[in-house]
Structures are given as C-alpha cells and as structure tokens.
N, C-alpha and C. Protein backbone atom coordinates (compact mmCIF):
# COMPACT_ATOMS: atom_id res chain seq x y z
N MET A 1 -0.22 6.14 -79.93
CA MET A 1 -0.08 4.31 -78.74
C MET A 1 -0.46 5.37 -77.84
N ASN A 2 -0.74 4.17 -77.05
CA ASN A 2 -1.83 4.12 -75.75
C ASN A 2 -0.82 3.88 -74.46
N TYR A 3 -0.12 5.68 -73.87
CA TYR A 3 0.90 5.39 -72.83
C TYR A 3 -0.49 4.81 -71.47
N MET A 4 -1.73 4.69 -71.42
CA MET A 4 -2.33 4.78 -70.07
C MET A 4 -3.08 3.76 -70.27
N SER A 5 -3.17 2.43 -69.82
CA SER A 5 -4.15 1.46 -69.65
C SER A 5 -5.44 1.88 -69.15
N SER A 6 -5.98 0.69 -69.73
CA SER A 6 -8.00 0.62 -68.83
C SER A 6 -7.70 0.71 -68.18
N SER A 7 -7.09 0.44 -67.09
CA SER A 7 -7.43 -0.15 -65.70
C SER A 7 -7.25 2.03 -64.74
N SER A 8 -6.17 1.55 -65.40
CA SER A 8 -4.77 2.99 -65.08
C SER A 8 -6.44 4.56 -65.04
N PHE A 9 -7.30 4.45 -66.14
CA PHE A 9 -8.05 4.64 -66.77
C PHE A 9 -9.45 5.43 -66.12
N ARG A 10 -9.56 4.05 -65.76
CA ARG A 10 -10.73 3.80 -65.38
C ARG A 10 -10.34 4.43 -63.76
N PHE A 11 -9.96 4.32 -63.29
CA PHE A 11 -9.34 4.49 -62.20
C PHE A 11 -9.31 6.36 -61.81
N LEU A 12 -9.22 7.01 -63.12
CA LEU A 12 -8.53 8.86 -63.36
C LEU A 12 -9.67 9.16 -63.39
N LEU A 13 -10.65 8.00 -64.74
CA LEU A 13 -12.42 8.77 -64.70
C LEU A 13 -12.96 8.44 -63.28
N GLY A 14 -12.50 7.15 -62.61
CA GLY A 14 -13.32 7.17 -61.03
C GLY A 14 -13.00 8.69 -60.33
N LEU A 15 -11.57 9.14 -60.34
CA LEU A 15 -11.59 10.21 -59.22
C LEU A 15 -12.28 11.19 -59.64
N THR A 16 -12.23 11.19 -60.95
CA THR A 16 -12.48 12.73 -62.05
C THR A 16 -14.08 12.74 -61.19
N VAL A 17 -14.85 11.66 -61.76
CA VAL A 17 -16.24 11.72 -61.40
C VAL A 17 -16.53 11.88 -59.74
N ALA A 18 -15.61 11.40 -58.63
CA ALA A 18 -15.53 11.84 -57.30
C ALA A 18 -15.60 13.26 -57.01
N GLY A 19 -14.54 13.41 -57.54
CA GLY A 19 -14.35 15.24 -57.28
C GLY A 19 -15.70 16.00 -57.74
N MET A 20 -15.74 15.36 -58.90
CA MET A 20 -16.96 16.47 -58.93
C MET A 20 -18.27 16.23 -58.73
N GLY A 21 -18.64 14.63 -57.93
CA GLY A 21 -19.76 14.53 -57.20
C GLY A 21 -19.33 15.40 -56.02
N SER A 22 -17.66 15.27 -55.37
CA SER A 22 -17.91 16.02 -53.90
C SER A 22 -18.29 17.71 -54.04
N GLY A 23 -17.52 18.19 -54.80
CA GLY A 23 -17.71 19.13 -55.51
C GLY A 23 -19.16 19.42 -55.91
N LEU A 24 -19.85 18.69 -56.09
CA LEU A 24 -21.39 19.49 -56.36
C LEU A 24 -22.33 19.48 -54.99
N LEU A 25 -21.43 18.56 -53.95
CA LEU A 25 -22.21 18.18 -52.62
C LEU A 25 -22.18 19.70 -51.50
N THR A 26 -20.70 19.74 -52.26
CA THR A 26 -20.53 20.92 -50.81
C THR A 26 -20.71 22.14 -51.43
N THR A 27 -21.26 22.59 -52.94
CA THR A 27 -21.63 23.99 -53.31
C THR A 27 -22.90 24.34 -51.93
N VAL A 28 -23.54 22.53 -52.37
CA VAL A 28 -25.31 22.72 -52.02
C VAL A 28 -25.56 22.45 -50.56
N PHE A 29 -24.79 22.14 -49.69
CA PHE A 29 -24.41 21.94 -48.35
C PHE A 29 -24.10 23.90 -47.76
N GLY A 30 -23.41 24.03 -48.52
CA GLY A 30 -22.43 25.01 -48.66
C GLY A 30 -23.65 26.73 -48.33
N LEU A 31 -23.95 26.02 -49.13
CA LEU A 31 -25.49 27.09 -49.51
C LEU A 31 -26.31 27.04 -49.11
N PHE A 32 -27.05 25.90 -48.22
CA PHE A 32 -28.49 25.71 -47.22
C PHE A 32 -28.33 25.68 -46.44
N HIS A 33 -26.97 25.08 -45.71
CA HIS A 33 -26.72 24.45 -43.99
C HIS A 33 -27.68 25.26 -43.27
N VAL A 34 -27.17 26.51 -43.30
CA VAL A 34 -27.23 27.86 -42.79
C VAL A 34 -28.67 28.01 -42.88
N GLN A 35 -29.16 28.06 -43.95
CA GLN A 35 -31.00 28.66 -43.75
C GLN A 35 -31.49 27.48 -43.09
N VAL A 36 -30.95 26.28 -43.39
CA VAL A 36 -31.74 24.76 -42.83
C VAL A 36 -32.10 25.09 -41.64
N PHE A 37 -30.80 24.99 -40.41
CA PHE A 37 -30.80 25.17 -39.42
C PHE A 37 -31.62 26.40 -39.14
N LEU A 38 -31.07 27.08 -38.94
CA LEU A 38 -31.21 29.19 -38.88
C LEU A 38 -32.82 29.22 -38.51
N GLU A 39 -33.87 28.93 -40.16
CA GLU A 39 -34.85 29.44 -40.65
C GLU A 39 -35.81 28.37 -40.79
N ALA A 40 -35.72 27.37 -40.95
CA ALA A 40 -36.20 25.81 -41.66
C ALA A 40 -36.87 25.18 -40.40
N TYR A 41 -35.20 25.00 -38.88
CA TYR A 41 -35.65 24.22 -37.49
C TYR A 41 -35.38 25.08 -36.79
N LYS A 42 -35.18 26.83 -36.91
CA LYS A 42 -35.40 27.39 -35.73
C LYS A 42 -34.36 27.92 -34.99
N LEU A 43 -33.17 27.25 -35.23
CA LEU A 43 -31.94 26.77 -34.28
C LEU A 43 -31.54 28.50 -33.72
N PRO A 44 -31.40 28.60 -32.49
CA PRO A 44 -31.55 30.19 -31.95
C PRO A 44 -29.82 30.63 -31.76
N LEU A 45 -29.80 32.14 -32.48
CA LEU A 45 -28.56 32.69 -33.03
C LEU A 45 -27.85 32.56 -32.49
N ALA A 46 -27.84 32.14 -31.12
CA ALA A 46 -26.37 32.07 -29.97
C ALA A 46 -26.12 30.43 -29.87
N ASP A 47 -26.84 30.07 -30.50
CA ASP A 47 -27.18 28.53 -30.78
C ASP A 47 -25.94 28.10 -31.64
N TYR A 48 -25.63 28.45 -32.42
CA TYR A 48 -25.98 28.90 -34.17
C TYR A 48 -24.37 28.77 -33.73
N ALA A 49 -24.24 30.14 -33.12
CA ALA A 49 -22.59 30.68 -31.96
C ALA A 49 -21.44 29.86 -31.31
N LEU A 50 -22.19 29.27 -30.74
CA LEU A 50 -21.74 28.42 -30.22
C LEU A 50 -21.84 26.88 -31.11
N GLY A 51 -21.83 26.72 -31.36
CA GLY A 51 -21.98 25.38 -31.93
C GLY A 51 -20.59 25.19 -33.19
N SER A 52 -20.89 26.70 -33.99
CA SER A 52 -19.86 26.80 -34.84
C SER A 52 -17.68 27.08 -34.32
N VAL A 53 -18.42 27.22 -33.34
CA VAL A 53 -17.08 27.22 -32.22
C VAL A 53 -17.26 25.52 -31.65
N ILE A 54 -18.06 25.25 -31.49
CA ILE A 54 -17.36 24.10 -31.57
C ILE A 54 -16.78 23.15 -32.03
N PHE A 55 -17.22 22.48 -33.41
CA PHE A 55 -17.74 22.68 -34.61
C PHE A 55 -16.07 22.69 -35.35
N ALA A 56 -15.12 23.69 -35.42
CA ALA A 56 -14.54 24.51 -34.96
C ALA A 56 -12.97 23.81 -34.78
N ILE A 57 -13.16 24.44 -33.63
CA ILE A 57 -12.58 22.65 -32.57
C ILE A 57 -12.43 21.24 -33.40
N ILE A 58 -13.40 20.61 -33.31
CA ILE A 58 -13.64 19.34 -33.73
C ILE A 58 -13.05 18.69 -35.19
N ASN A 59 -13.53 20.31 -35.66
CA ASN A 59 -13.07 20.00 -37.40
C ASN A 59 -11.38 19.97 -37.21
N THR A 60 -10.66 20.81 -36.37
CA THR A 60 -9.27 21.38 -36.48
C THR A 60 -9.00 18.91 -35.72
N VAL A 61 -9.45 19.08 -34.64
CA VAL A 61 -8.41 17.66 -34.44
C VAL A 61 -8.88 16.90 -35.26
N ASN A 62 -9.92 16.42 -36.33
CA ASN A 62 -10.48 15.72 -37.14
C ASN A 62 -9.82 15.57 -38.25
N ASP A 63 -8.74 16.59 -39.02
CA ASP A 63 -8.59 16.84 -39.94
C ASP A 63 -7.04 15.74 -39.81
N LEU A 64 -6.76 16.84 -38.72
CA LEU A 64 -5.41 15.86 -37.78
C LEU A 64 -4.77 14.85 -37.52
N VAL A 65 -6.09 14.01 -37.44
CA VAL A 65 -6.58 13.05 -36.71
C VAL A 65 -6.86 12.09 -38.63
N GLY A 66 -7.28 12.74 -38.51
CA GLY A 66 -8.04 12.13 -40.38
C GLY A 66 -6.65 12.34 -41.63
N ALA A 67 -6.09 12.77 -41.33
CA ALA A 67 -4.59 12.76 -41.96
C ALA A 67 -4.21 11.80 -41.91
N TRP A 68 -3.28 11.80 -40.53
CA TRP A 68 -2.29 11.41 -40.12
C TRP A 68 -2.34 9.56 -40.65
N TYR A 69 -3.87 9.21 -40.64
CA TYR A 69 -4.49 7.71 -40.56
C TYR A 69 -4.06 7.89 -42.01
N VAL A 70 -4.52 8.61 -43.38
CA VAL A 70 -4.54 8.25 -44.45
C VAL A 70 -2.63 8.24 -44.59
N ASP A 71 -2.84 8.46 -43.88
CA ASP A 71 -0.89 9.47 -43.74
C ASP A 71 -0.40 7.52 -43.65
N VAL A 72 -0.83 7.11 -42.46
CA VAL A 72 -0.48 5.59 -41.69
C VAL A 72 -0.91 4.43 -42.60
N TYR A 73 -1.42 3.85 -43.27
CA TYR A 73 -2.71 2.86 -42.89
C TYR A 73 -3.29 3.33 -44.55
N ALA A 74 -3.52 4.11 -45.07
CA ALA A 74 -4.38 4.30 -46.16
C ALA A 74 -3.26 4.50 -48.10
N SER A 75 -2.06 5.13 -47.37
CA SER A 75 -1.77 5.06 -48.31
C SER A 75 -0.72 3.88 -48.53
N LYS A 76 -0.88 3.21 -47.66
CA LYS A 76 -0.47 2.43 -47.78
C LYS A 76 -0.51 0.37 -48.39
N ALA A 77 -2.69 0.78 -48.73
CA ALA A 77 -3.20 -0.02 -48.70
C ALA A 77 -3.08 -0.07 -50.64
N GLN A 78 -3.35 -1.30 -50.93
CA GLN A 78 -3.00 -2.08 -51.91
C GLN A 78 -4.37 -1.20 -52.66
N HIS A 79 -5.53 -1.26 -52.84
CA HIS A 79 -6.76 -0.67 -53.29
C HIS A 79 -7.37 0.35 -52.48
N ARG A 80 -6.29 2.20 -52.74
CA ARG A 80 -6.79 2.62 -52.10
C ARG A 80 -8.10 3.44 -53.38
N SER A 81 -8.64 2.73 -52.98
CA SER A 81 -9.85 3.42 -54.74
C SER A 81 -11.24 2.75 -54.11
N ASP A 82 -10.87 1.72 -53.25
CA ASP A 82 -11.96 1.18 -53.31
C ASP A 82 -11.58 1.87 -51.77
N TRP A 83 -10.67 2.54 -50.73
CA TRP A 83 -11.21 3.77 -49.63
C TRP A 83 -11.92 4.61 -50.04
N VAL A 84 -11.18 5.04 -51.72
CA VAL A 84 -12.29 6.04 -51.57
C VAL A 84 -14.07 6.48 -52.15
N GLY A 85 -14.15 4.78 -52.97
CA GLY A 85 -15.18 4.56 -53.47
C GLY A 85 -16.66 4.36 -51.77
N TRP A 86 -15.84 3.65 -50.80
CA TRP A 86 -16.29 4.06 -49.98
C TRP A 86 -17.12 5.08 -48.89
N SER A 87 -15.62 5.68 -49.00
CA SER A 87 -15.60 7.11 -48.02
C SER A 87 -16.45 7.71 -49.24
N LEU A 88 -16.61 7.69 -49.77
CA LEU A 88 -17.59 8.73 -50.83
C LEU A 88 -19.49 8.76 -50.80
N VAL A 89 -19.66 7.21 -50.21
CA VAL A 89 -21.00 6.82 -49.88
C VAL A 89 -21.21 7.15 -48.74
N VAL A 90 -20.74 6.69 -48.04
CA VAL A 90 -20.84 7.13 -46.01
C VAL A 90 -20.77 9.22 -46.74
N PHE A 91 -19.68 9.93 -47.07
CA PHE A 91 -20.25 10.97 -47.30
C PHE A 91 -21.49 11.67 -47.90
N GLY A 92 -21.71 10.87 -49.04
CA GLY A 92 -22.93 11.52 -49.77
C GLY A 92 -24.40 11.02 -48.53
N GLY A 93 -23.71 10.27 -47.75
CA GLY A 93 -25.50 10.73 -46.71
C GLY A 93 -24.78 11.12 -45.56
N MET A 94 -24.10 11.21 -45.24
CA MET A 94 -23.16 12.50 -44.20
C MET A 94 -24.53 14.21 -45.04
N PHE A 95 -23.78 14.08 -46.10
CA PHE A 95 -24.66 15.41 -46.60
C PHE A 95 -26.21 15.29 -46.63
N LEU A 96 -26.57 13.68 -46.09
CA LEU A 96 -28.81 14.41 -45.77
C LEU A 96 -28.93 14.66 -44.16
N LEU A 97 -27.89 14.08 -43.44
CA LEU A 97 -27.80 14.23 -42.20
C LEU A 97 -28.68 15.59 -42.11
N PRO A 98 -27.84 16.73 -42.85
CA PRO A 98 -29.24 17.25 -41.76
C PRO A 98 -30.33 18.05 -42.21
N PHE A 99 -30.28 17.99 -42.96
CA PHE A 99 -31.81 17.52 -43.99
C PHE A 99 -33.13 16.32 -43.14
N TRP A 100 -32.03 16.07 -42.08
CA TRP A 100 -34.44 15.17 -41.96
C TRP A 100 -33.75 15.86 -40.24
N PRO A 101 -34.79 16.79 -39.57
CA PRO A 101 -34.92 17.78 -38.28
C PRO A 101 -34.51 15.75 -36.96
N TRP A 102 -34.31 16.36 -36.54
CA TRP A 102 -34.60 16.02 -35.12
C TRP A 102 -35.52 16.45 -34.12
N THR A 103 -35.90 15.52 -33.11
CA THR A 103 -36.72 16.54 -32.62
C THR A 103 -36.50 17.31 -31.15
N GLN A 104 -35.58 16.37 -30.97
CA GLN A 104 -34.53 17.17 -30.02
C GLN A 104 -33.16 18.24 -29.60
N ASN A 105 -33.17 18.50 -29.00
CA ASN A 105 -31.94 18.77 -29.29
C ASN A 105 -30.65 19.95 -30.43
N LYS A 106 -31.28 20.73 -30.98
CA LYS A 106 -31.61 21.40 -32.21
C LYS A 106 -29.34 21.56 -32.21
N LEU A 107 -28.49 22.01 -30.64
CA LEU A 107 -27.08 22.13 -30.88
C LEU A 107 -26.70 21.00 -31.69
N PHE A 108 -27.02 20.02 -30.82
CA PHE A 108 -26.87 18.51 -30.88
C PHE A 108 -27.14 18.08 -32.61
N HIS A 109 -27.70 18.87 -32.99
CA HIS A 109 -28.00 17.95 -34.05
C HIS A 109 -26.81 18.64 -35.19
N PHE A 110 -27.49 20.10 -35.42
CA PHE A 110 -25.91 21.63 -35.99
C PHE A 110 -24.91 20.45 -35.44
N VAL A 111 -24.32 20.64 -34.77
CA VAL A 111 -22.59 20.62 -34.73
C VAL A 111 -22.15 18.65 -35.55
N ALA A 112 -23.22 17.83 -34.87
CA ALA A 112 -23.57 16.55 -35.81
C ALA A 112 -23.56 16.75 -36.65
N SER A 113 -24.10 17.06 -37.71
CA SER A 113 -24.23 17.43 -38.75
C SER A 113 -23.04 18.16 -39.18
N MET A 114 -22.58 18.96 -39.09
CA MET A 114 -21.62 19.46 -39.38
C MET A 114 -20.46 18.99 -39.94
N SER A 115 -20.15 17.98 -37.90
CA SER A 115 -18.91 17.53 -38.07
C SER A 115 -18.61 16.60 -38.71
N CYS A 116 -19.84 15.67 -39.33
CA CYS A 116 -19.99 13.99 -39.66
C CYS A 116 -19.53 14.57 -41.13
N TYR A 117 -20.27 15.99 -41.37
CA TYR A 117 -20.12 16.47 -43.06
C TYR A 117 -18.72 16.22 -43.71
N ASP A 118 -18.16 17.05 -42.54
CA ASP A 118 -16.87 17.75 -42.64
C ASP A 118 -15.29 16.80 -42.92
N THR A 119 -16.15 15.76 -41.85
CA THR A 119 -15.14 14.39 -41.62
C THR A 119 -14.74 13.72 -42.53
N LEU A 120 -15.89 13.39 -42.80
CA LEU A 120 -17.03 12.82 -44.52
C LEU A 120 -15.12 13.39 -46.06
N PHE A 121 -16.03 14.79 -45.83
CA PHE A 121 -15.53 16.09 -47.28
C PHE A 121 -14.31 15.88 -47.05
N SER A 122 -13.28 15.98 -45.49
CA SER A 122 -11.62 15.60 -46.10
C SER A 122 -11.04 14.27 -45.99
N TRP A 123 -11.62 13.31 -45.58
CA TRP A 123 -11.49 11.70 -45.54
C TRP A 123 -11.43 12.05 -46.98
N SER A 124 -12.24 11.67 -47.60
CA SER A 124 -12.53 11.88 -48.80
C SER A 124 -11.53 12.61 -49.97
N ALA A 125 -11.40 13.74 -48.99
CA ALA A 125 -10.33 14.71 -50.11
C ALA A 125 -8.88 14.22 -50.00
N ILE A 126 -8.33 13.79 -49.13
CA ILE A 126 -6.69 13.37 -48.95
C ILE A 126 -6.78 12.11 -49.39
N LEU A 127 -8.10 11.44 -49.09
CA LEU A 127 -8.05 10.54 -50.31
C LEU A 127 -7.32 10.06 -51.49
N MET A 128 -8.54 11.03 -51.54
CA MET A 128 -8.37 11.31 -53.17
C MET A 128 -6.88 12.30 -53.76
N GLY A 129 -6.30 12.89 -52.66
CA GLY A 129 -5.40 13.07 -53.34
C GLY A 129 -5.02 14.99 -53.41
C-alpha cells in the first residue's frame, strides 16, 4: 500500500535535500569564516570582538522577528515549499558574501556578512520546521 502521494514524497525529498545542503553550507561557513576575516582580510582582533558583539545583538533581534514573521505569514501560505526554495537560493548567495573581499570597512563587511548569512540560515531553518 502506498500511504504517501507522489507530491508529498517530492516535498519530503526536497526538504531532506534542503536540510542536507543547509548543513553542508553551515559546516563550511563555520570552519572558514574566522580564518577568512582574521588571516586573509587582516581584520584586527579588537574589530572582530566588536563585530561579534554587534552581530550577537542583530542575531537576537532578527531571530525573534523572523520567527514571528514565519508564524504570522508563511504558515498561512498555501505553498510554503516555494518559500523554502527561494529562501535557500538566497541563503546560498549569502554564504558567498564573506568570500568576496570589500576594499573598505572590514568591520562592516564582517558584521554584514555574518548577519545576512545568519538571517537567511534562521529563516530557512524556521521555514523547514
């Protein structure tokens, strides 16, 4: 007996692939973002510490706002899988943001890269449930 329709199987397969891709991106990002900013871009350690504090504040706010937004709007959408697909495409782009060096303001580059990456990571994870 087939308990699962082909559309729900495709949806579950898509969520599985999305989760695996998200996990791989997170592992690579976690392994290399510190090395990239401190060694390749020569971000001073004091700026790295300040950027981490700023990022912690931004991260707290965006996680709360993102969870609220998903609860209010995305959970009412008919095609939540479309939201997951688009958010993961943008998430992949945000993964690449730290690896393109900016010529000015390394601290802003660090905070913006971390914040954009984490915002899309959180958004995608909340959408996937």
